[in-house]
Amino acid sequence: MEDVLTVFKASQLCSVSAKTIINWIESGHIKAYKTVGGHRRINRSDLEFFMKKQGIPIPAQEADSLKRKILVVDDDPIIVETIVQALEEDEFDYEVISASDGFEAGLQINHFAPHLLILDIMMPDIKGYEVCKKIKKNPDTANTKIIVLSAYLDEGKFKKMKQYGADACFSKPFPLPQLKEEVARLLELR
């Protein structure tokens, strides 16, 4: 499924008429915007949220493309395994991959195109501030949510990370249930 949908495509996925989709948009049930030409467009995530909320089944061929993609970047394999396992077992059926260094992370951000990045900013080859700035300044990745992890940051440095584009910050050791809740919140699943 594309990231931005026409009213017609949304109507096909919901098995309703295009007029029904327009009515749902106008009544505020589905978020949408209008193009310069006046055509309505719906972000895939907004339609998915609406479909789940209303109990509308997502067509089987579309289900895999609706999975939220998460990239976990940390040089500590135990932390990576813990986070990946917790997220893969989560009710939202995320697609999770990991990277152990900055180079691999850069490749995966471009290739995998994650919806959310969980980033340890205290790795030898990563400058957390720079990573956040680059991701948020690039139009292709600007909507990627970023959760920063670090054992060495205080509240002042966390505020600085947020100024550079981090959406949330956690100190290590972090509470796994809170991390999972924040992931779901940032991906608009809760």
C-alpha atoms as a PDB file:
ATOM      1  CA  MET A   1       0.000   0.000   0.000  1.00  0.00           C
ATOM      2  CA  GLU A   2       1.305   3.456  -0.842  1.00  0.00           C
ATOM      3  CA  ASP A   3       2.083   5.945   1.933  1.00  0.00           C
ATOM      4  CA  VAL A   4      -0.513   8.414   0.595  1.00  0.00           C
ATOM      5  CA  LEU A   5      -3.870   7.158  -0.663  1.00  0.00           C
ATOM      6  CA  THR A   6      -6.567   8.536  -2.894  1.00  0.00           C
ATOM      7  CA  VAL A   7     -10.194   8.421  -1.768  1.00  0.00           C
ATOM      8  CA  PHE A   8     -10.802   5.691  -4.345  1.00  0.00           C
ATOM      9  CA  LYS A   9      -7.970   3.472  -3.020  1.00  0.00           C
ATOM     10  CA  ALA A  10      -9.169   4.021   0.571  1.00  0.00           C
ATOM     11  CA  SER A  11     -12.698   3.043  -0.464  1.00  0.00           C
ATOM     12  CA  GLN A  12     -11.373  -0.184  -2.006  1.00  0.00           C
ATOM     13  CA  LEU A  13      -9.434  -1.080   1.133  1.00  0.00           C
ATOM     14  CA  CYS A  14     -12.448  -0.381   3.387  1.00  0.00           C
ATOM     15  CA  SER A  15     -14.923  -2.045   0.962  1.00  0.00           C
ATOM     16  CA  VAL A  16     -17.156   1.045   0.914  1.00  0.00           C
ATOM     17  CA  SER A  17     -17.998   3.698  -1.679  1.00  0.00           C
ATOM     18  CA  ALA A  18     -15.783   6.699  -2.318  1.00  0.00           C
ATOM     19  CA  LYS A  19     -18.657   8.887  -1.099  1.00  0.00           C
ATOM     20  CA  THR A  20     -18.598   7.058   2.267  1.00  0.00           C
ATOM     21  CA  ILE A  21     -14.873   7.788   2.621  1.00  0.00           C
ATOM     22  CA  ILE A  22     -15.530  11.472   1.825  1.00  0.00           C
ATOM     23  CA  ASN A  23     -18.319  11.543   4.425  1.00  0.00           C
ATOM     24  CA  TRP A  24     -15.988   9.978   7.021  1.00  0.00           C
ATOM     25  CA  ILE A  25     -13.320  12.587   6.188  1.00  0.00           C
ATOM     26  CA  GLU A  26     -15.765  15.491   6.399  1.00  0.00           C
ATOM     27  CA  SER A  27     -17.148  14.260   9.720  1.00  0.00           C
ATOM     28  CA  GLY A  28     -13.617  14.023  11.158  1.00  0.00           C
ATOM     29  CA  HIS A  29     -13.391  10.226  11.446  1.00  0.00           C
ATOM     30  CA  ILE A  30     -10.463   9.974   9.005  1.00  0.00           C
ATOM     31  CA  LYS A  31      -7.673  12.548   8.840  1.00  0.00           C
ATOM     32  CA  ALA A  32      -7.043  13.801   5.301  1.00  0.00           C
ATOM     33  CA  TYR A  33      -5.725  16.802   3.434  1.00  0.00           C
ATOM     34  CA  LYS A  34      -6.381  18.404   0.073  1.00  0.00           C
ATOM     35  CA  THR A  35      -3.858  18.776  -2.728  1.00  0.00           C
ATOM     36  CA  VAL A  36      -3.400  22.078  -4.548  1.00  0.00           C
ATOM     37  CA  GLY A  37      -5.835  20.727  -7.131  1.00  0.00           C
ATOM     38  CA  GLY A  38      -8.467  20.090  -4.438  1.00  0.00           C
ATOM     39  CA  HIS A  39      -8.146  16.300  -4.308  1.00  0.00           C
ATOM     40  CA  ARG A  40      -8.348  14.561  -0.951  1.00  0.00           C
ATOM     41  CA  ARG A  41      -5.409  12.449   0.168  1.00  0.00           C
ATOM     42  CA  ILE A  42      -5.153  10.174   3.187  1.00  0.00           C
ATOM     43  CA  ASN A  43      -1.923   9.129   4.884  1.00  0.00           C
ATOM     44  CA  ARG A  44      -1.694   5.358   5.061  1.00  0.00           C
ATOM     45  CA  SER A  45      -1.120   5.460   8.827  1.00  0.00           C
ATOM     46  CA  ASP A  46      -4.303   7.516   9.347  1.00  0.00           C
ATOM     47  CA  LEU A  47      -6.402   5.067   7.328  1.00  0.00           C
ATOM     48  CA  GLU A  48      -4.856   2.104   9.145  1.00  0.00           C
ATOM     49  CA  PHE A  49      -5.602   3.730  12.522  1.00  0.00           C
ATOM     50  CA  PHE A  50      -9.220   4.328  11.484  1.00  0.00           C
ATOM     51  CA  MET A  51      -9.629   0.776  10.144  1.00  0.00           C
ATOM     52  CA  LYS A  52      -8.263  -0.783  13.345  1.00  0.00           C
ATOM     53  CA  LYS A  53     -10.397   1.487  15.530  1.00  0.00           C
ATOM     54  CA  GLN A  54     -13.548   0.617  13.578  1.00  0.00           C
ATOM     55  CA  GLY A  55     -12.739  -3.093  13.333  1.00  0.00           C
ATOM     56  CA  ILE A  56     -12.494  -2.970   9.533  1.00  0.00           C
ATOM     57  CA  PRO A  57     -10.304  -5.881   8.425  1.00  0.00           C
ATOM     58  CA  ILE A  58      -7.166  -4.950   6.538  1.00  0.00           C
ATOM     59  CA  PRO A  59      -6.920  -6.964   3.300  1.00  0.00           C
ATOM     60  CA  ALA A  60      -4.391  -9.790   3.620  1.00  0.00           C
ATOM     61  CA  GLN A  61      -2.217  -8.606   0.734  1.00  0.00           C
ATOM     62  CA  GLU A  62      -1.904  -5.193   2.401  1.00  0.00           C
ATOM     63  CA  ALA A  63      -1.192  -6.436   5.943  1.00  0.00           C
ATOM     64  CA  ASP A  64       2.588  -6.801   5.581  1.00  0.00           C
ATOM     65  CA  SER A  65       3.002  -3.338   4.084  1.00  0.00           C
ATOM     66  CA  LEU A  66       1.078  -1.892   7.034  1.00  0.00           C
ATOM     67  CA  LYS A  67       3.577  -3.187   9.575  1.00  0.00           C
ATOM     68  CA  ARG A  68       5.423  -0.454  11.374  1.00  0.00           C
ATOM     69  CA  LYS A  69       9.151  -0.716  10.738  1.00  0.00           C
ATOM     70  CA  ILE A  70      11.574  -0.114  13.594  1.00  0.00           C
ATOM     71  CA  LEU A  71      15.368   0.099  13.467  1.00  0.00           C
ATOM     72  CA  VAL A  72      17.272  -0.491  16.733  1.00  0.00           C
ATOM     73  CA  VAL A  73      20.828   0.884  16.752  1.00  0.00           C
ATOM     74  CA  ASP A  74      23.098  -0.088  19.636  1.00  0.00           C
ATOM     75  CA  ASP A  75      26.571  -1.630  19.895  1.00  0.00           C
ATOM     76  CA  ASP A  76      25.545  -3.756  22.907  1.00  0.00           C
ATOM     77  CA  PRO A  77      24.140  -7.033  21.531  1.00  0.00           C
ATOM     78  CA  ILE A  78      22.282  -7.813  24.782  1.00  0.00           C
ATOM     79  CA  ILE A  79      20.396  -4.519  24.668  1.00  0.00           C
ATOM     80  CA  VAL A  80      19.626  -4.982  20.964  1.00  0.00           C
ATOM     81  CA  GLU A  81      18.329  -8.519  21.546  1.00  0.00           C
ATOM     82  CA  THR A  82      16.208  -7.410  24.505  1.00  0.00           C
ATOM     83  CA  ILE A  83      14.571  -4.545  22.600  1.00  0.00           C
ATOM     84  CA  VAL A  84      14.094  -6.479  19.356  1.00  0.00           C
ATOM     85  CA  GLN A  85      12.549  -9.463  21.144  1.00  0.00           C
ATOM     86  CA  ALA A  86      10.210  -7.271  23.213  1.00  0.00           C
ATOM     87  CA  LEU A  87       9.012  -5.359  20.144  1.00  0.00           C
ATOM     88  CA  GLU A  88       8.631  -8.446  17.947  1.00  0.00           C
ATOM     89  CA  GLU A  89       6.449 -10.046  20.622  1.00  0.00           C
ATOM     90  CA  ASP A  90       4.327  -6.895  20.985  1.00  0.00           C
ATOM     91  CA  GLU A  91       0.658  -6.936  20.021  1.00  0.00           C
ATOM     92  CA  PHE A  92       1.273  -4.521  17.129  1.00  0.00           C
ATOM     93  CA  ASP A  93       3.377  -6.998  15.117  1.00  0.00           C
ATOM     94  CA  TYR A  94       6.235  -4.631  14.291  1.00  0.00           C
ATOM     95  CA  GLU A  95       8.902  -5.395  11.712  1.00  0.00           C
ATOM     96  CA  VAL A  96      12.143  -4.883  13.649  1.00  0.00           C
ATOM     97  CA  ILE A  97      15.751  -4.955  12.465  1.00  0.00           C
ATOM     98  CA  SER A  98      18.965  -3.838  14.141  1.00  0.00           C
ATOM     99  CA  ALA A  99      22.303  -2.240  13.367  1.00  0.00           C
ATOM    100  CA  SER A 100      25.396  -2.322  15.550  1.00  0.00           C
ATOM    101  CA  ASP A 101      27.240   0.731  14.220  1.00  0.00           C
ATOM    102  CA  GLY A 102      26.670   4.071  12.553  1.00  0.00           C
ATOM    103  CA  PHE A 103      27.609   2.946   9.044  1.00  0.00           C
ATOM    104  CA  GLU A 104      25.180   0.024   9.085  1.00  0.00           C
ATOM    105  CA  ALA A 105      22.514   2.265  10.619  1.00  0.00           C
ATOM    106  CA  GLY A 106      22.899   4.765   7.773  1.00  0.00           C
ATOM    107  CA  LEU A 107      22.473   2.045   5.182  1.00  0.00           C
ATOM    108  CA  GLN A 108      19.410   0.633   6.946  1.00  0.00           C
ATOM    109  CA  ILE A 109      17.742   4.038   7.319  1.00  0.00           C
ATOM    110  CA  ASN A 110      17.970   4.489   3.543  1.00  0.00           C
ATOM    111  CA  HIS A 111      17.139   0.905   2.561  1.00  0.00           C
ATOM    112  CA  PHE A 112      14.670  -0.237   5.266  1.00  0.00           C
ATOM    113  CA  ALA A 113      13.028   3.211   5.698  1.00  0.00           C
ATOM    114  CA  PRO A 114      11.970   2.725   9.330  1.00  0.00           C
ATOM    115  CA  HIS A 115       8.991   4.542  10.804  1.00  0.00           C
ATOM    116  CA  LEU A 116      10.860   4.700  14.128  1.00  0.00           C
ATOM    117  CA  LEU A 117      14.524   4.650  15.135  1.00  0.00           C
ATOM    118  CA  ILE A 118      15.716   3.580  18.592  1.00  0.00           C
ATOM    119  CA  LEU A 119      19.217   4.997  18.842  1.00  0.00           C
ATOM    120  CA  ASP A 120      21.995   4.630  21.408  1.00  0.00           C
ATOM    121  CA  ILE A 121      23.757   7.943  20.971  1.00  0.00           C
ATOM    122  CA  MET A 122      26.872   6.999  22.940  1.00  0.00           C
ATOM    123  CA  MET A 123      28.428   4.670  20.364  1.00  0.00           C
ATOM    124  CA  PRO A 124      32.033   5.155  19.167  1.00  0.00           C
ATOM    125  CA  ASP A 125      31.141   6.123  15.592  1.00  0.00           C
ATOM    126  CA  ILE A 126      27.826   7.936  16.180  1.00  0.00           C
ATOM    127  CA  LYS A 127      27.279  11.526  17.166  1.00  0.00           C
ATOM    128  CA  GLY A 128      23.679  11.428  18.353  1.00  0.00           C
ATOM    129  CA  TYR A 129      23.001  15.107  17.795  1.00  0.00           C
ATOM    130  CA  GLU A 130      24.195  14.897  14.193  1.00  0.00           C
ATOM    131  CA  VAL A 131      22.173  11.755  13.451  1.00  0.00           C
ATOM    132  CA  CYS A 132      18.971  13.359  14.738  1.00  0.00           C
ATOM    133  CA  LYS A 133      19.604  16.579  12.793  1.00  0.00           C
ATOM    134  CA  LYS A 134      20.343  14.731   9.539  1.00  0.00           C
ATOM    135  CA  ILE A 135      17.264  12.525   9.804  1.00  0.00           C
ATOM    136  CA  LYS A 136      14.921  15.405  10.616  1.00  0.00           C
ATOM    137  CA  LYS A 137      16.377  17.724   7.916  1.00  0.00           C
ATOM    138  CA  ASN A 138      16.114  15.156   5.107  1.00  0.00           C
ATOM    139  CA  PRO A 139      12.638  15.340   3.491  1.00  0.00           C
ATOM    140  CA  ASP A 140      12.689  11.546   2.907  1.00  0.00           C
ATOM    141  CA  THR A 141      13.242  10.764   6.598  1.00  0.00           C
ATOM    142  CA  ALA A 142      11.855  13.848   8.361  1.00  0.00           C
ATOM    143  CA  ASN A 143       8.792  11.935   9.623  1.00  0.00           C
ATOM    144  CA  THR A 144      10.891   9.169  11.177  1.00  0.00           C
ATOM    145  CA  LYS A 145      10.327   9.114  14.936  1.00  0.00           C
ATOM    146  CA  ILE A 146      13.489   8.909  17.054  1.00  0.00           C
ATOM    147  CA  ILE A 147      13.878   7.479  20.557  1.00  0.00           C
ATOM    148  CA  VAL A 148      17.285   8.192  22.080  1.00  0.00           C
ATOM    149  CA  LEU A 149      18.916   5.844  24.605  1.00  0.00           C
ATOM    150  CA  SER A 150      21.955   6.676  26.716  1.00  0.00           C
ATOM    151  CA  ALA A 151      23.512   5.782  30.031  1.00  0.00           C
ATOM    152  CA  TYR A 152      25.302   9.120  30.272  1.00  0.00           C
ATOM    153  CA  LEU A 153      22.790  11.872  29.569  1.00  0.00           C
ATOM    154  CA  ASP A 154      21.230  14.137  32.138  1.00  0.00           C
ATOM    155  CA  GLU A 155      18.001  16.139  31.788  1.00  0.00           C
ATOM    156  CA  GLY A 156      19.804  19.099  30.182  1.00  0.00           C
ATOM    157  CA  LYS A 157      21.361  16.919  27.501  1.00  0.00           C
ATOM    158  CA  PHE A 158      18.023  15.187  26.896  1.00  0.00           C
ATOM    159  CA  LYS A 159      16.485  18.625  26.256  1.00  0.00           C
ATOM    160  CA  LYS A 160      19.277  19.343  23.793  1.00  0.00           C
ATOM    161  CA  MET A 161      18.614  16.023  22.017  1.00  0.00           C
ATOM    162  CA  LYS A 162      14.953  16.971  21.659  1.00  0.00           C
ATOM    163  CA  GLN A 163      15.972  20.297  20.126  1.00  0.00           C
ATOM    164  CA  TYR A 164      17.956  18.324  17.542  1.00  0.00           C
ATOM    165  CA  GLY A 165      14.929  16.182  16.678  1.00  0.00           C
ATOM    166  CA  ALA A 166      14.666  13.320  19.189  1.00  0.00           C
ATOM    167  CA  ASP A 167      11.013  12.570  19.953  1.00  0.00           C
ATOM    168  CA  ALA A 168      11.737  10.790  23.252  1.00  0.00           C
ATOM    169  CA  CYS A 169      14.745  10.058  25.471  1.00  0.00           C
ATOM    170  CA  PHE A 170      15.396   7.182  27.881  1.00  0.00           C
ATOM    171  CA  SER A 171      18.264   6.613  30.305  1.00  0.00           C
ATOM    172  CA  LYS A 172      19.866   3.187  30.491  1.00  0.00           C
ATOM    173  CA  PRO A 173      18.900   0.950  32.078  1.00  0.00           C
ATOM    174  CA  PHE A 174      15.469   1.776  30.706  1.00  0.00           C
ATOM    175  CA  PRO A 175      12.105   0.349  31.739  1.00  0.00           C
ATOM    176  CA  LEU A 176      11.047  -1.929  28.859  1.00  0.00           C
ATOM    177  CA  PRO A 177       7.270  -1.487  29.407  1.00  0.00           C
ATOM    178  CA  GLN A 178       7.647   2.316  29.216  1.00  0.00           C
ATOM    179  CA  LEU A 179       9.772   2.027  26.067  1.00  0.00           C
ATOM    180  CA  LYS A 180       7.132  -0.185  24.416  1.00  0.00           C
ATOM    181  CA  GLU A 181       4.392   2.255  25.407  1.00  0.00           C
ATOM    182  CA  GLU A 182       6.361   5.183  23.955  1.00  0.00           C
ATOM    183  CA  VAL A 183       6.967   3.264  20.694  1.00  0.00           C
ATOM    184  CA  ALA A 184       3.218   2.631  20.322  1.00  0.00           C
ATOM    185  CA  ARG A 185       2.410   6.269  21.176  1.00  0.00           C
ATOM    186  CA  LEU A 186       4.906   7.695  18.675  1.00  0.00           C
ATOM    187  CA  LEU A 187       3.603   5.373  15.956  1.00  0.00           C
ATOM    188  CA  GLU A 188       0.056   6.518  16.815  1.00  0.00           C
ATOM    189  CA  LEU A 189      -1.072   3.017  17.750  1.00  0.00           C
ATOM    190  CA  ARG A 190      -2.202   4.075  21.255  1.00  0.00           C
END
